[in-house]
Amino acid sequence: MNCYLGMQKRKTPSPRSLFFVALVLVWAFCTVPEAAAQRITPPTTPAAITPPPGNSAFLVGHALGTQGYVCLPTSTGASWTVNGARPEATLFATVFGQNLEIITHFLSPDTNPNDKAPNPLPFGSATWQNSLDSSVVWAKAVGSIAAGSDASCPNAGAISCLLLQSIGSQEGPAGGKFMTQTSYIQRLNTNGGSAPATGCAVPTDVGKQTLVPYTADYYFFHADE
């Protein structure tokens, strides 16, 4: 299964074809994660955002979402600051020509931290939840590069590309474990999402909020056995 997304506009599929594709995707997620891993080759990335040796990619999805900002006061007036919402996105993969949701990305409390989790825990951490088995991984950023500085992050002016490390995971309510294998996550090929150039400059702007659309590719890694 190649989970890389090509987001072309297509005719609305029939319910039967969607049901078939969903069954295939369930089978792929639940029975062949190792086989999928063999066919996912992440791009070469700078050391700052490259997982350490001993980790291999097992999944990639294309994200469509928004980055939230709030206008806060500064010593010279005001400026846009990433707000508590952080990115919120839906990750898609293409399976047999159909674009299917595979993961939702949002902020939530880390209820099952591991030994890499910060202490104390923040009120919420970046979260990725599988759309099929509801398993979850939480992660924190451990490296970044500026957009436009590398071929893996080519779009100048976009939000930065990141390396994130798992700080906790949790099975789904029915025992699903797909995301619990995650050790690292790369956010690459970002486009959009940066703070607006206007709208937050003077004290009267303080308190304004905005959501800026962005896209990115997320690569998920697990530790090699």
Protein backbone atom coordinates (compact mmCIF):
# COMPACT_ATOMS: atom_id res chain seq x y z
CA MET A 1 0.00 0.00 0.00
CA ASN A 2 1.44 3.33 -1.00
CA CYS A 3 0.03 5.91 1.38
CA TYR A 4 1.41 8.95 -0.43
CA LEU A 5 -1.41 11.26 -1.44
CA GLY A 6 -2.15 12.75 -4.81
CA MET A 7 -5.05 15.14 -4.26
CA GLN A 8 -6.72 15.18 -7.70
CA LYS A 9 -10.35 16.09 -8.18
CA ARG A 10 -12.40 13.00 -8.91
CA LYS A 11 -15.98 12.00 -9.54
CA THR A 12 -17.98 11.02 -6.47
CA PRO A 13 -17.46 7.26 -5.98
CA SER A 14 -20.37 4.89 -5.46
CA PRO A 15 -21.14 3.63 -1.92
CA ARG A 16 -20.13 0.12 -3.02
CA SER A 17 -16.70 1.26 -4.22
CA LEU A 18 -16.14 3.28 -1.07
CA PHE A 19 -17.08 0.29 1.07
CA PHE A 20 -14.67 -1.93 -0.86
CA VAL A 21 -11.83 0.58 -0.55
CA ALA A 22 -12.53 1.00 3.17
CA LEU A 23 -12.30 -2.78 3.66
CA VAL A 24 -9.01 -2.88 1.77
CA LEU A 25 -7.65 0.00 3.84
CA VAL A 26 -8.67 -1.72 7.08
CA TRP A 27 -6.89 -4.86 5.92
CA ALA A 28 -3.80 -2.87 4.95
CA PHE A 29 -3.63 -1.04 8.27
CA CYS A 30 -4.30 -4.08 10.40
CA THR A 31 -2.33 -6.82 8.66
CA VAL A 32 0.54 -5.49 6.60
CA PRO A 33 2.23 -2.54 8.37
CA GLU A 34 5.66 -4.12 7.84
CA ALA A 35 5.06 -4.60 4.13
CA ALA A 36 3.91 -1.00 3.81
CA ALA A 37 7.03 0.16 5.60
CA GLN A 38 9.20 -1.49 2.93
CA ARG A 39 7.74 0.76 0.23
CA ILE A 40 7.91 4.12 2.02
CA THR A 41 11.14 6.02 1.44
CA PRO A 42 11.21 9.47 3.07
CA PRO A 43 13.16 12.21 1.31
CA THR A 44 16.67 12.98 2.47
CA THR A 45 16.46 15.62 5.20
CA PRO A 46 18.90 17.77 7.21
CA ALA A 47 20.23 16.23 10.42
CA ALA A 48 18.10 18.56 12.54
CA ILE A 49 14.89 16.89 11.35
CA THR A 50 16.10 13.35 10.60
CA PRO A 51 15.12 10.55 13.01
CA PRO A 52 18.11 8.76 14.55
CA PRO A 53 19.36 5.51 13.00
CA GLY A 54 17.24 2.51 13.85
CA ASN A 55 13.92 4.09 12.87
CA SER A 56 12.03 3.40 9.63
CA ALA A 57 9.01 5.04 8.03
CA PHE A 58 5.82 2.98 8.04
CA LEU A 59 3.18 5.52 6.98
CA VAL A 60 2.85 8.84 5.18
CA GLY A 61 -0.20 11.05 4.78
CA HIS A 62 -0.96 14.41 3.22
CA ALA A 63 -2.43 16.93 5.64
CA LEU A 64 -4.98 19.65 4.96
CA GLY A 65 -5.53 21.90 7.94
CA THR A 66 -5.12 25.24 9.66
CA GLN A 67 -2.61 26.90 11.95
CA GLY A 68 -4.14 29.10 14.65
CA TYR A 69 -2.75 32.47 15.77
CA VAL A 70 -3.73 35.03 18.37
CA CYS A 71 -2.65 38.66 18.47
CA LEU A 72 -0.75 39.37 21.70
CA PRO A 73 0.88 42.53 23.07
CA THR A 74 4.62 43.14 22.72
CA SER A 75 6.96 45.85 23.97
CA THR A 76 6.54 47.67 20.65
CA GLY A 77 2.86 47.03 19.97
CA ALA A 78 1.48 43.58 19.08
CA SER A 79 2.32 40.50 17.04
CA TRP A 80 0.77 37.22 15.94
CA THR A 81 1.60 34.25 18.19
CA VAL A 82 0.72 30.60 17.72
CA ASN A 83 -2.27 30.00 19.95
CA GLY A 84 -3.16 26.96 22.01
CA ALA A 85 -4.99 25.35 19.10
CA ARG A 86 -1.76 24.83 17.13
CA PRO A 87 -2.25 22.96 13.85
CA GLU A 88 -5.49 21.08 13.30
CA ALA A 89 -5.59 18.88 10.23
CA THR A 90 -6.90 15.79 8.51
CA LEU A 91 -4.42 13.42 6.90
CA PHE A 92 -5.33 11.59 3.71
CA ALA A 93 -3.89 8.70 1.69
CA THR A 94 -4.69 7.44 -1.79
CA VAL A 95 -5.75 3.80 -1.98
CA PHE A 96 -6.79 2.36 -5.36
CA GLY A 97 -7.38 5.87 -6.67
CA GLN A 98 -9.56 7.02 -3.77
CA ASN A 99 -8.51 9.71 -1.29
CA LEU A 100 -9.36 8.42 2.18
CA GLU A 101 -8.99 9.97 5.62
CA ILE A 102 -6.48 8.04 7.70
CA ILE A 103 -5.59 10.30 10.65
CA THR A 104 -6.83 13.40 12.46
CA HIS A 105 -4.31 15.84 13.96
CA PHE A 106 -5.25 18.07 16.88
CA LEU A 107 -4.32 19.12 20.41
CA SER A 108 -5.26 17.00 23.43
CA PRO A 109 -3.94 16.04 26.90
CA ASP A 110 -1.30 13.29 26.92
CA THR A 111 -3.04 10.72 29.11
CA ASN A 112 -0.41 8.00 28.75
CA PRO A 113 3.02 9.70 28.73
CA ASN A 114 6.27 7.83 28.15
CA ASP A 115 9.75 8.57 29.47
CA LYS A 116 10.31 11.21 26.75
CA ALA A 117 7.35 13.32 27.88
CA PRO A 118 8.05 16.71 29.51
CA ASN A 119 7.46 17.07 33.23
CA PRO A 120 5.18 18.75 33.98
CA LEU A 121 3.06 17.94 30.96
CA PRO A 122 1.60 20.87 29.01
CA PHE A 123 -2.16 21.35 29.05
CA GLY A 124 -2.26 19.76 25.61
CA SER A 125 0.13 18.08 23.18
CA ALA A 126 0.16 17.54 19.42
CA THR A 127 -1.97 14.46 18.75
CA TRP A 128 -2.45 12.09 15.82
CA GLN A 129 -5.41 9.69 16.00
CA ASN A 130 -5.96 6.86 13.56
CA SER A 131 -9.31 7.11 11.78
CA LEU A 132 -9.79 3.33 11.70
CA ASP A 133 -8.81 1.95 15.09
CA SER A 134 -8.75 5.24 17.11
CA SER A 135 -5.24 4.57 18.45
CA VAL A 136 -3.33 7.74 19.37
CA VAL A 137 0.22 9.06 19.51
CA TRP A 138 1.30 12.30 21.17
CA ALA A 139 4.56 13.99 20.15
CA LYS A 140 6.75 17.02 20.83
CA ALA A 141 8.99 18.93 18.43
CA VAL A 142 12.70 18.13 18.85
CA GLY A 143 14.06 19.72 15.66
CA SER A 144 13.06 22.22 12.96
CA ILE A 145 14.24 23.90 9.78
CA ALA A 146 12.91 27.01 8.06
CA ALA A 147 10.67 26.51 5.06
CA GLY A 148 12.56 27.18 1.85
CA SER A 149 15.88 26.00 3.28
CA ASP A 150 15.93 22.44 1.89
CA ALA A 151 14.44 20.33 -0.89
CA SER A 152 12.34 18.50 1.71
CA CYS A 153 10.90 21.84 2.85
CA PRO A 154 10.95 23.93 -0.34
CA ASN A 155 8.19 26.50 0.09
CA ALA A 156 9.67 29.69 1.51
CA GLY A 157 7.35 31.58 3.82
CA ALA A 158 5.47 28.47 4.98
CA ILE A 159 5.48 27.11 8.51
CA SER A 160 8.66 25.27 9.49
CA CYS A 161 9.37 21.61 8.85
CA LEU A 162 9.74 19.55 12.00
CA LEU A 163 10.99 16.39 13.63
CA LEU A 164 8.73 15.29 16.47
CA GLN A 165 9.33 12.55 19.02
CA SER A 166 6.64 10.40 20.58
CA ILE A 167 5.88 11.38 24.18
CA GLY A 168 3.05 8.91 24.69
CA SER A 169 0.55 6.67 22.95
CA GLN A 170 -2.70 4.90 23.65
CA GLU A 171 -4.65 2.01 22.19
CA GLY A 172 -8.07 2.61 20.70
CA PRO A 173 -11.19 1.68 22.69
CA ALA A 174 -11.38 -1.69 20.90
CA GLY A 175 -7.67 -2.44 21.37
CA GLY A 176 -6.34 -0.94 18.12
CA LYS A 177 -2.59 -0.32 18.28
CA PHE A 178 -1.60 1.04 14.86
CA MET A 179 -0.33 4.46 16.02
CA THR A 180 1.28 3.13 19.21
CA GLN A 181 4.28 1.91 17.22
CA THR A 182 5.24 5.51 16.35
CA SER A 183 8.65 6.68 17.54
CA TYR A 184 9.13 9.84 15.45
CA ILE A 185 7.11 12.00 13.06
CA GLN A 186 8.42 14.29 10.32
CA ARG A 187 6.43 17.27 9.04
CA LEU A 188 7.79 18.01 5.57
CA ASN A 189 6.86 19.89 2.40
CA THR A 190 4.87 22.49 4.31
CA ASN A 191 2.92 25.07 2.33
CA GLY A 192 1.10 28.00 3.95
CA GLY A 193 0.24 28.26 7.62
CA SER A 194 2.44 31.24 8.50
CA ALA A 195 1.18 34.20 10.50
CA PRO A 196 -0.46 36.98 8.46
CA ALA A 197 1.67 39.98 7.57
CA THR A 198 -1.04 42.39 8.68
CA GLY A 199 -3.83 42.71 11.22
CA CYS A 200 -1.77 42.63 14.40
CA ALA A 201 0.43 45.66 14.95
CA VAL A 202 -1.13 47.99 17.51
CA PRO A 203 -2.64 47.50 20.99
CA THR A 204 -6.18 47.71 19.63
CA ASP A 205 -5.50 44.55 17.61
CA VAL A 206 -4.74 42.50 20.72
CA GLY A 207 -7.10 39.57 21.11
CA LYS A 208 -7.76 39.02 17.41
CA GLN A 209 -7.51 35.40 16.24
CA THR A 210 -7.06 33.85 12.84
CA LEU A 211 -6.79 30.40 11.25
CA VAL A 212 -4.35 30.11 8.34
CA PRO A 213 -4.71 27.14 5.95
CA TYR A 214 -1.69 24.88 5.42
CA THR A 215 -0.72 21.59 3.82
CA ALA A 216 2.13 19.24 4.69
CA ASP A 217 3.35 15.68 4.40
CA TYR A 218 3.62 13.72 7.66
CA TYR A 219 5.94 10.71 7.80
CA PHE A 220 5.52 8.30 10.71
CA PHE A 221 8.45 6.18 11.92
CA HIS A 222 8.77 3.17 14.20
CA ALA A 223 11.80 1.65 15.87
CA ASP A 224 13.37 -1.17 13.89
CA GLU A 225 13.14 -4.57 15.55
